[in-house]
Amino acid sequence: MSREEADRALERLTAEHEAVESSLLALQDHAGRRLLEGARLTGTTAHRWTQAEAAITRLWNVFEHYSGALAKAQEVRERRRWPSREDLAELTRLLRGPRTIPGSALGDGGSADGGAGGGARLSEEVTLGDLVEWMNNWYAQALDVVAAADSVWSALPARIDMLAAELRRVRSLAHSVGVRPGEHPSADDLDRTTEELTALRAEVVSDPLAFWTSAGGSSAPGGGRPDTSRYDRAARELEDIRREIDAVLGVRQDSEQRLMQLRDVLSRADRTLAEAREARGEVLAKIAASEVPAVSGPATALHEELSAAAEYRRRSQWHRLSPLLESLEQRAEDELDRARAQLAAVTAPLAVRAELRGRLDAYKAKVAQQGMGEDRMLIERYDAARRMLWSAPCDLRAAEDAVLRYQHAAQDVLTARQAGGSSGPARAEGVADS
């Protein structure tokens, strides 16, 4: 080597020495390394950290040999401003020539490919350039483990703790509304999510590299991202549980009012059916030859389910109460409509009788207005129709025929009087149109 070549090589190797020293000190103070050294590791992390620790040990050992060789070369170069031929030969040997590294400094991983394999050796013959390459490889190996573990520990435990705090809040809310394990599916889901979060945190603390997704390829040491899939799944499950608990809270808040409304609807249905049964008895007693439909009894099944709903509320079994209330509300309205329909069907003959009575009295009033209230035939037919309508039992068909006979007779009399000029056209026409 010439003087200029020796100076350039010495400058380059000195810069490499400073870079390696700076990296080693940074690795020594790295928070991830301190955490790894103090943690009880398992699984992938335990295995890789064992390898990384060995790499760090080799790195320091080789760095000491590298520093010694570089110091020796600097000492030779500083002997004189213009190095002699012997000085240049020694610098060439120190800076470019091979040097012996004892196997004890390399452990079980010393090899030219950066300690990837091979058994223990008594020594290795390497140049300073080879040592730099080895140190860079070991540093990258160690930093990859340290940075990945630190990234996982920085990202997941804190998020898990926040989710656990939210889980405790949801559990407290669930307890307040009576959602308990074994009685409500959401409470069971809450227990499973709690167990999952507890296990997840323990695994993240002891084996962070199991939750690391490497970027792959030729990425820098520590390239990748934490795998949050299990955390994200637990967060989604907790959100589903929270929504269910909120729904239960809504049921608890309005269940009493809904139960009162249901009792009112069923009570009205029962009263309507009772009225229908009473009306049926009246129809059978007062209307002859009439087919009166039977009236059903009260909705016993609905009353039993209403009692069950009240019991669910008392026991805070909201997951059972909610669907039962929705079903009962619809069926109770249907029951009230059915009771009203039965009442209308039963009282139909009475309505017909009332309509005939009203029609008979209306014709009598019209006849009186025309001055024919004393007509003997009309009086007889009116009395016959009235006796039928106000007697019990009433034959509706015969009574309707009697009303029609009275109506026709009145029309005939009015027509005859109109033809004889005994009454005004307008008045006769009014009765006929009636």
Protein backbone atom coordinates (compact mmCIF):
# COMPACT_ATOMS: atom_id res chain seq x y z
CA MET A 1 0.00 0.00 0.00
CA SER A 2 1.16 3.54 -0.69
CA ARG A 3 0.96 6.24 1.94
CA GLU A 4 -2.20 7.68 0.39
CA GLU A 5 -3.84 4.25 0.19
CA ALA A 6 -2.92 3.52 3.79
CA ASP A 7 -4.34 6.84 4.95
CA ARG A 8 -7.58 6.31 3.04
CA ALA A 9 -7.98 2.75 4.37
CA LEU A 10 -7.23 3.88 7.90
CA GLU A 11 -9.73 6.74 7.60
CA ARG A 12 -12.43 4.41 6.27
CA LEU A 13 -11.89 1.77 8.95
CA THR A 14 -11.82 4.45 11.65
CA ALA A 15 -15.18 5.73 10.42
CA GLU A 16 -16.49 2.15 10.47
CA HIS A 17 -15.19 1.81 14.02
CA GLU A 18 -16.99 4.96 15.15
CA ALA A 19 -20.23 3.84 13.48
CA VAL A 20 -20.08 0.39 15.05
CA GLU A 21 -19.23 1.86 18.46
CA SER A 22 -22.16 4.30 18.22
CA SER A 23 -24.50 1.47 17.21
CA LEU A 24 -23.30 -0.74 20.04
CA LEU A 25 -23.86 1.98 22.61
CA ALA A 26 -27.33 2.72 21.21
CA LEU A 27 -28.17 -0.99 21.31
CA GLN A 28 -26.87 -1.18 24.86
CA ASP A 29 -29.23 1.63 25.92
CA HIS A 30 -32.19 0.53 23.80
CA ALA A 31 -35.39 0.28 25.85
CA GLY A 32 -36.33 -2.94 24.06
CA ARG A 33 -33.10 -4.60 25.10
CA ARG A 34 -33.58 -3.64 28.76
CA LEU A 35 -37.11 -5.04 28.64
CA LEU A 36 -35.94 -8.25 27.01
CA GLU A 37 -33.21 -8.72 29.60
CA GLY A 38 -35.70 -8.33 32.46
CA ALA A 39 -38.60 -10.30 30.99
CA ARG A 40 -39.54 -13.95 31.44
CA LEU A 41 -39.64 -14.89 27.78
CA THR A 42 -41.28 -17.84 26.09
CA GLY A 43 -41.75 -19.27 22.62
CA THR A 44 -40.36 -17.54 19.58
CA THR A 45 -39.06 -14.57 21.53
CA ALA A 46 -37.10 -16.71 23.99
CA HIS A 47 -35.44 -18.58 21.14
CA ARG A 48 -34.57 -15.52 19.08
CA TRP A 49 -33.42 -13.49 22.08
CA THR A 50 -31.02 -16.29 23.02
CA GLN A 51 -29.56 -16.05 19.54
CA ALA A 52 -29.51 -12.26 19.68
CA GLU A 53 -27.72 -12.23 23.04
CA ALA A 54 -25.07 -14.55 21.61
CA ALA A 55 -24.73 -12.25 18.61
CA ILE A 56 -24.30 -9.22 20.90
CA THR A 57 -21.63 -11.03 22.88
CA ARG A 58 -19.73 -11.93 19.70
CA LEU A 59 -20.23 -8.39 18.49
CA TRP A 60 -18.52 -6.91 21.55
CA ASN A 61 -15.73 -9.49 21.47
CA VAL A 62 -14.96 -8.90 17.82
CA PHE A 63 -15.29 -5.14 18.31
CA GLU A 64 -12.51 -5.31 20.91
CA HIS A 65 -10.25 -7.17 18.46
CA TYR A 66 -11.16 -4.71 15.75
CA SER A 67 -10.42 -1.76 18.05
CA GLY A 68 -7.07 -3.26 19.03
CA ALA A 69 -6.06 -3.86 15.43
CA LEU A 70 -7.12 -0.37 14.41
CA ALA A 71 -5.26 1.19 17.36
CA LYS A 72 -2.13 -0.73 16.37
CA ALA A 73 -2.44 0.50 12.77
CA GLN A 74 -2.92 4.09 13.97
CA GLU A 75 0.15 3.74 16.19
CA VAL A 76 2.25 2.58 13.24
CA ARG A 77 0.94 5.43 11.08
CA GLU A 78 1.76 8.03 13.73
CA ARG A 79 5.42 7.03 14.03
CA ARG A 80 6.48 9.42 11.32
CA ARG A 81 4.91 11.78 8.85
CA TRP A 82 6.33 9.93 5.89
CA PRO A 83 6.09 6.21 6.68
CA SER A 84 8.99 4.00 5.69
CA ARG A 85 8.76 0.96 3.47
CA GLU A 86 8.63 -1.23 6.59
CA ASP A 87 5.85 0.93 8.06
CA LEU A 88 3.78 0.64 4.87
CA ALA A 89 4.30 -3.11 4.81
CA GLU A 90 3.10 -3.39 8.41
CA LEU A 91 0.12 -1.12 7.70
CA THR A 92 -0.79 -3.26 4.71
CA ARG A 93 -0.65 -6.36 6.87
CA LEU A 94 -2.72 -4.77 9.64
CA LEU A 95 -5.33 -3.09 7.44
CA ARG A 96 -5.70 -5.64 4.65
CA GLY A 97 -4.16 -8.84 5.80
CA PRO A 98 -5.86 -11.62 7.72
CA ARG A 99 -5.67 -11.79 11.46
CA THR A 100 -6.45 -14.60 13.83
CA ILE A 101 -9.62 -14.38 15.97
CA PRO A 102 -9.77 -17.01 18.74
CA GLY A 103 -12.82 -19.23 18.75
CA SER A 104 -13.63 -18.21 22.31
CA ALA A 105 -14.50 -14.74 21.01
CA LEU A 106 -16.89 -16.13 18.42
CA GLY A 107 -18.65 -18.76 20.48
CA ASP A 108 -20.61 -21.31 18.44
CA GLY A 109 -21.60 -18.90 15.70
CA GLY A 110 -18.35 -17.69 14.19
CA SER A 111 -18.33 -17.94 10.39
CA ALA A 112 -17.74 -15.78 7.43
CA ASP A 113 -21.51 -15.46 6.73
CA GLY A 114 -22.19 -13.58 9.93
CA GLY A 115 -22.59 -16.37 12.41
CA ALA A 116 -25.45 -18.14 10.76
CA GLY A 117 -24.17 -21.63 11.32
CA GLY A 118 -21.22 -23.91 11.94
CA GLY A 119 -19.85 -25.36 15.12
CA ALA A 120 -17.26 -24.03 17.52
CA ARG A 121 -13.81 -23.38 16.00
CA LEU A 122 -10.42 -22.86 17.62
CA SER A 123 -9.82 -19.69 15.56
CA GLU A 124 -10.79 -17.76 12.45
CA GLU A 125 -8.53 -16.00 9.94
CA VAL A 126 -10.27 -12.78 8.86
CA THR A 127 -9.45 -9.28 7.67
CA LEU A 128 -10.68 -6.06 9.28
CA GLY A 129 -13.16 -5.71 6.42
CA ASP A 130 -14.53 -9.16 7.23
CA LEU A 131 -14.87 -8.16 10.87
CA VAL A 132 -16.88 -5.09 9.88
CA GLU A 133 -19.20 -7.25 7.78
CA TRP A 134 -19.59 -9.72 10.63
CA MET A 135 -20.35 -6.98 13.12
CA ASN A 136 -22.91 -5.40 10.80
CA ASN A 137 -24.67 -8.75 10.37
CA TRP A 138 -24.73 -9.49 14.10
CA TYR A 139 -25.90 -5.99 14.88
CA ALA A 140 -28.75 -6.28 12.35
CA GLN A 141 -29.72 -9.66 13.84
CA ALA A 142 -29.81 -8.29 17.39
CA LEU A 143 -31.48 -5.01 16.46
CA ASP A 144 -34.21 -6.85 14.52
CA VAL A 145 -35.17 -8.76 17.66
CA VAL A 146 -34.87 -5.77 20.00
CA ALA A 147 -36.75 -3.33 17.76
CA ALA A 148 -39.53 -5.80 16.94
CA ALA A 149 -40.09 -6.68 20.61
CA ASP A 150 -40.05 -3.01 21.59
CA SER A 151 -42.56 -2.15 18.85
CA VAL A 152 -44.96 -4.87 20.00
CA TRP A 153 -44.59 -3.93 23.66
CA SER A 154 -45.13 -0.26 22.82
CA ALA A 155 -48.25 -0.94 20.77
CA LEU A 156 -50.21 -3.80 22.29
CA PRO A 157 -50.07 -3.89 26.12
CA ALA A 158 -51.26 -0.30 26.48
CA ARG A 159 -54.09 -0.87 24.03
CA ILE A 160 -55.02 -4.11 25.76
CA ASP A 161 -55.08 -2.29 29.11
CA MET A 162 -57.38 0.39 27.69
CA LEU A 163 -59.66 -2.28 26.27
CA ALA A 164 -59.62 -4.08 29.62
CA ALA A 165 -60.68 -0.85 31.33
CA GLU A 166 -63.58 -0.52 28.88
CA LEU A 167 -64.42 -4.17 29.52
CA ARG A 168 -64.62 -3.49 33.26
CA ARG A 169 -66.95 -0.57 32.58
CA VAL A 170 -69.19 -2.76 30.42
CA ARG A 171 -69.11 -5.50 33.06
CA SER A 172 -70.20 -3.00 35.72
CA LEU A 173 -73.02 -1.82 33.46
CA ALA A 174 -74.02 -5.42 32.77
CA HIS A 175 -74.13 -6.18 36.48
CA SER A 176 -76.27 -3.12 37.10
CA VAL A 177 -78.92 -4.36 34.66
CA GLY A 178 -78.82 -7.92 35.96
CA VAL A 179 -76.89 -9.47 33.09
CA ARG A 180 -75.14 -12.37 34.76
CA PRO A 181 -73.22 -15.42 33.53
CA GLY A 182 -75.42 -18.42 32.98
CA GLU A 183 -78.49 -16.22 32.62
CA HIS A 184 -77.63 -13.99 29.67
CA PRO A 185 -75.50 -14.84 26.62
CA SER A 186 -73.82 -11.44 26.70
CA ALA A 187 -72.52 -12.11 30.21
CA ASP A 188 -71.01 -15.39 29.02
CA ASP A 189 -69.47 -13.58 26.03
CA LEU A 190 -68.09 -10.98 28.43
CA ASP A 191 -66.38 -13.69 30.47
CA ARG A 192 -64.87 -15.22 27.33
CA THR A 193 -63.61 -11.83 26.16
CA THR A 194 -62.11 -11.18 29.60
CA GLU A 195 -60.27 -14.50 29.48
CA GLU A 196 -59.06 -13.77 25.94
CA LEU A 197 -57.71 -10.34 26.90
CA THR A 198 -55.98 -11.73 29.98
CA ALA A 199 -54.36 -14.51 27.96
CA LEU A 200 -53.50 -12.13 25.13
CA ARG A 201 -51.70 -9.70 27.43
CA ALA A 202 -49.74 -12.49 29.09
CA GLU A 203 -48.68 -13.85 25.70
CA VAL A 204 -47.74 -10.40 24.40
CA VAL A 205 -45.57 -9.73 27.46
CA SER A 206 -43.81 -13.10 27.39
CA ASP A 207 -43.61 -13.67 23.63
CA PRO A 208 -43.89 -10.35 21.77
CA LEU A 209 -42.29 -11.68 18.58
CA ALA A 210 -45.22 -14.06 18.16
CA PHE A 211 -47.24 -10.90 17.45
CA TRP A 212 -44.82 -9.42 14.94
CA THR A 213 -45.33 -9.45 11.18
CA SER A 214 -42.01 -8.92 9.43
CA ALA A 215 -41.88 -6.76 6.32
CA GLY A 216 -39.74 -9.43 4.64
CA GLY A 217 -37.37 -8.92 1.74
CA SER A 218 -34.36 -6.69 2.34
CA SER A 219 -36.07 -4.35 4.81
CA ALA A 220 -34.08 -2.63 7.53
CA PRO A 221 -33.76 -4.30 10.96
CA GLY A 222 -37.04 -4.06 12.83
CA GLY A 223 -39.01 -3.60 9.62
CA GLY A 224 -42.58 -4.79 9.99
CA ARG A 225 -45.59 -4.13 12.18
CA PRO A 226 -47.31 -5.57 15.25
CA ASP A 227 -49.97 -8.18 14.52
CA THR A 228 -53.13 -6.80 16.18
CA SER A 229 -55.62 -9.29 14.72
CA ARG A 230 -56.46 -10.93 18.06
CA TYR A 231 -56.74 -7.57 19.76
CA ASP A 232 -58.97 -6.23 16.98
CA ARG A 233 -61.21 -9.29 17.21
CA ALA A 234 -61.57 -8.88 20.98
CA ALA A 235 -62.35 -5.17 20.50
CA ARG A 236 -65.12 -6.02 17.99
CA GLU A 237 -66.57 -8.64 20.32
CA LEU A 238 -66.58 -6.17 23.21
CA GLU A 239 -68.32 -3.57 21.04
CA ASP A 240 -71.02 -6.13 20.13
CA ILE A 241 -71.46 -6.95 23.81
CA ARG A 242 -71.68 -3.26 24.71
CA ARG A 243 -74.44 -2.71 22.15
CA GLU A 244 -76.32 -5.72 23.53
CA ILE A 245 -76.00 -4.39 27.07
CA ASP A 246 -77.27 -0.99 25.91
CA ALA A 247 -80.26 -2.73 24.35
CA VAL A 248 -80.88 -4.59 27.60
CA LEU A 249 -80.66 -1.30 29.45
CA GLY A 250 -83.33 0.09 27.14
CA VAL A 251 -85.55 -2.94 27.83
CA ARG A 252 -85.07 -2.50 31.56
CA GLN A 253 -86.00 1.16 31.42
CA ASP A 254 -89.27 0.75 29.48
CA SER A 255 -90.24 -2.83 30.37
CA GLU A 256 -92.54 -1.82 33.25
CA GLN A 257 -94.47 0.61 31.05
CA ARG A 258 -94.73 -1.97 28.28
CA LEU A 259 -95.98 -4.58 30.75
CA MET A 260 -98.61 -2.14 32.03
CA GLN A 261 -99.74 -1.44 28.47
CA LEU A 262 -99.97 -5.16 27.79
CA ARG A 263 -102.07 -5.70 30.91
CA ASP A 264 -104.36 -2.88 29.79
CA VAL A 265 -104.80 -4.31 26.30
CA LEU A 266 -105.52 -7.82 27.59
CA SER A 267 -107.89 -6.40 30.21
CA ARG A 268 -109.83 -4.56 27.49
CA ALA A 269 -109.94 -7.74 25.43
CA ASP A 270 -111.28 -9.68 28.43
CA ARG A 271 -113.90 -7.01 29.15
CA THR A 272 -114.94 -7.01 25.50
CA LEU A 273 -115.32 -10.80 25.52
CA ALA A 274 -117.30 -10.60 28.77
CA GLU A 275 -119.53 -7.99 27.16
CA ALA A 276 -119.91 -10.25 24.13
CA ARG A 277 -120.93 -13.21 26.32
CA GLU A 278 -123.46 -11.04 28.16
CA ALA A 279 -124.81 -9.71 24.87
CA ARG A 280 -125.09 -13.26 23.52
CA GLY A 281 -127.28 -14.20 26.46
CA GLU A 282 -129.43 -11.13 25.81
CA VAL A 283 -129.68 -11.96 22.10
CA LEU A 284 -130.68 -15.57 22.81
CA ALA A 285 -133.34 -14.33 25.23
CA LYS A 286 -134.71 -11.50 23.09
CA ILE A 287 -134.21 -12.61 19.49
CA ALA A 288 -136.01 -15.71 18.20
CA ALA A 289 -134.78 -18.01 15.43
CA SER A 290 -131.36 -16.32 15.29
CA GLU A 291 -127.99 -18.02 14.88
CA VAL A 292 -125.75 -16.39 17.47
CA PRO A 293 -122.03 -17.33 17.27
CA ALA A 294 -120.34 -18.68 20.38
CA VAL A 295 -117.98 -16.42 22.29
CA SER A 296 -114.53 -17.73 23.15
CA GLY A 297 -113.04 -17.53 26.60
CA PRO A 298 -110.21 -15.22 27.70
CA ALA A 299 -106.73 -15.70 26.22
CA THR A 300 -105.32 -17.83 29.04
CA ALA A 301 -102.07 -18.50 27.19
CA LEU A 302 -101.41 -14.79 26.77
CA HIS A 303 -102.06 -14.16 30.46
CA GLU A 304 -99.64 -16.95 31.38
CA GLU A 305 -96.97 -15.50 29.08
CA LEU A 306 -97.59 -12.06 30.57
CA SER A 307 -96.98 -13.52 34.03
CA ALA A 308 -93.81 -15.14 32.70
CA ALA A 309 -92.69 -11.77 31.31
CA ALA A 310 -93.24 -10.15 34.70
CA GLU A 311 -91.19 -12.93 36.29
CA TYR A 312 -88.40 -12.40 33.73
CA ARG A 313 -88.36 -8.73 34.67
CA ARG A 314 -88.27 -9.54 38.36
CA ARG A 315 -85.30 -11.84 37.80
CA SER A 316 -83.64 -9.39 35.37
CA GLN A 317 -83.65 -11.97 32.57
CA TRP A 318 -83.70 -9.26 29.95
CA HIS A 319 -82.56 -11.42 27.03
CA ARG A 320 -85.71 -13.52 27.48
CA LEU A 321 -87.97 -10.60 28.29
CA SER A 322 -87.19 -8.53 25.20
CA PRO A 323 -88.38 -10.99 22.50
CA LEU A 324 -91.32 -12.09 24.64
CA LEU A 325 -92.53 -8.50 25.03
CA GLU A 326 -92.36 -7.93 21.29
CA SER A 327 -94.37 -11.10 20.62
CA LEU A 328 -96.91 -10.35 23.35
CA GLU A 329 -97.52 -6.80 22.14
CA GLN A 330 -98.49 -8.00 18.67
CA ARG A 331 -100.62 -10.91 19.88
CA ALA A 332 -102.36 -8.82 22.53
CA GLU A 333 -103.50 -6.34 19.86
CA ASP A 334 -104.70 -9.26 17.74
CA GLU A 335 -106.64 -10.61 20.73
CA LEU A 336 -108.34 -7.25 21.28
CA ASP A 337 -109.32 -7.08 17.60
CA ARG A 338 -110.71 -10.62 17.80
CA ALA A 339 -112.76 -9.76 20.91
CA ARG A 340 -114.20 -6.68 19.21
CA ALA A 341 -115.08 -8.75 16.13
CA GLN A 342 -116.88 -11.32 18.31
CA LEU A 343 -118.83 -8.59 20.11
CA ALA A 344 -119.88 -7.11 16.77
CA ALA A 345 -120.97 -10.53 15.46
CA VAL A 346 -122.96 -11.34 18.62
CA THR A 347 -124.75 -8.00 18.83
CA ALA A 348 -125.64 -7.90 15.12
CA PRO A 349 -129.27 -9.13 15.71
CA LEU A 350 -129.78 -6.44 18.36
CA ALA A 351 -128.47 -3.87 15.91
CA VAL A 352 -130.91 -5.11 13.27
CA ARG A 353 -133.78 -4.89 15.76
CA ALA A 354 -132.75 -1.37 16.75
CA GLU A 355 -132.62 -0.37 13.07
CA LEU A 356 -136.12 -1.77 12.47
CA ARG A 357 -137.45 0.06 15.52
CA GLY A 358 -135.95 3.29 14.30
CA ARG A 359 -137.37 2.81 10.81
CA LEU A 360 -140.87 2.06 12.19
CA ASP A 361 -140.91 5.17 14.36
CA ALA A 362 -139.59 7.28 11.49
CA TYR A 363 -142.49 6.17 9.23
CA LYS A 364 -144.98 6.83 11.99
CA ALA A 365 -143.66 10.37 12.34
CA LYS A 366 -143.90 10.93 8.57
CA VAL A 367 -147.48 9.64 8.51
CA ALA A 368 -148.42 11.95 11.36
CA GLN A 369 -146.90 14.89 9.50
CA GLN A 370 -149.21 14.11 6.56
CA GLY A 371 -152.26 14.07 8.80
CA MET A 372 -152.89 10.33 8.47
CA GLY A 373 -152.10 9.37 12.03
CA GLU A 374 -155.70 8.33 12.64
CA ASP A 375 -155.91 5.96 9.70
CA ARG A 376 -157.22 2.70 11.18
CA MET A 377 -155.35 0.32 8.86
CA LEU A 378 -152.07 2.11 9.47
CA ILE A 379 -152.68 2.05 13.21
CA GLU A 380 -153.31 -1.70 13.12
CA ARG A 381 -150.23 -2.43 11.06
CA TYR A 382 -148.10 -0.16 13.21
CA ASP A 383 -149.32 -1.87 16.37
CA ALA A 384 -148.63 -5.31 14.86
CA ALA A 385 -145.07 -4.36 13.90
CA ARG A 386 -144.43 -2.68 17.24
CA ARG A 387 -145.63 -5.72 19.22
CA MET A 388 -143.18 -7.91 17.29
CA LEU A 389 -140.24 -5.53 17.79
CA TRP A 390 -140.89 -4.88 21.49
CA SER A 391 -141.70 -8.45 22.45
CA ALA A 392 -139.28 -11.16 23.55
CA PRO A 393 -138.21 -13.25 21.91
CA CYS A 394 -138.41 -11.15 18.77
CA ASP A 395 -138.73 -12.85 15.41
CA LEU A 396 -136.60 -10.51 13.29
CA ARG A 397 -137.79 -11.86 9.97
CA ALA A 398 -141.49 -11.53 10.90
CA ALA A 399 -140.84 -8.11 12.45
CA GLU A 400 -139.06 -6.91 9.30
CA ASP A 401 -141.98 -8.12 7.20
CA ALA A 402 -144.41 -6.26 9.48
CA VAL A 403 -142.38 -3.06 9.16
CA LEU A 404 -142.34 -3.42 5.37
CA ARG A 405 -146.14 -3.99 5.35
CA TYR A 406 -146.64 -0.81 7.39
CA GLN A 407 -144.31 1.10 5.04
CA HIS A 408 -146.15 -0.13 1.92
CA ALA A 409 -149.55 0.57 3.43
CA ALA A 410 -148.55 4.10 4.28
CA GLN A 411 -147.28 4.65 0.74
CA ASP A 412 -150.52 3.29 -0.73
CA VAL A 413 -152.66 5.54 1.44
CA LEU A 414 -150.59 8.59 0.59
CA THR A 415 -150.74 7.77 -3.11
CA ALA A 416 -154.53 7.37 -2.96
CA ARG A 417 -154.99 10.64 -1.09
CA GLN A 418 -152.70 12.42 -3.55
CA ALA A 419 -154.75 11.11 -6.46
CA GLY A 420 -157.98 12.31 -4.75
CA GLY A 421 -156.50 15.72 -4.03
CA SER A 422 -157.00 15.35 -0.35
CA SER A 423 -153.38 16.25 0.45
CA GLY A 424 -150.63 18.47 -1.01
CA PRO A 425 -148.34 16.93 -3.63
CA ALA A 426 -145.23 17.92 -1.78
CA ARG A 427 -146.30 16.27 1.44
CA ALA A 428 -147.41 13.00 -0.21
CA GLU A 429 -144.17 12.85 -2.15
CA GLY A 430 -142.18 13.33 1.04
CA VAL A 431 -143.79 10.31 2.71
CA ALA A 432 -143.46 8.12 -0.41
CA ASP A 433 -139.77 8.92 -0.76
CA SER A 434 -139.20 8.02 2.84
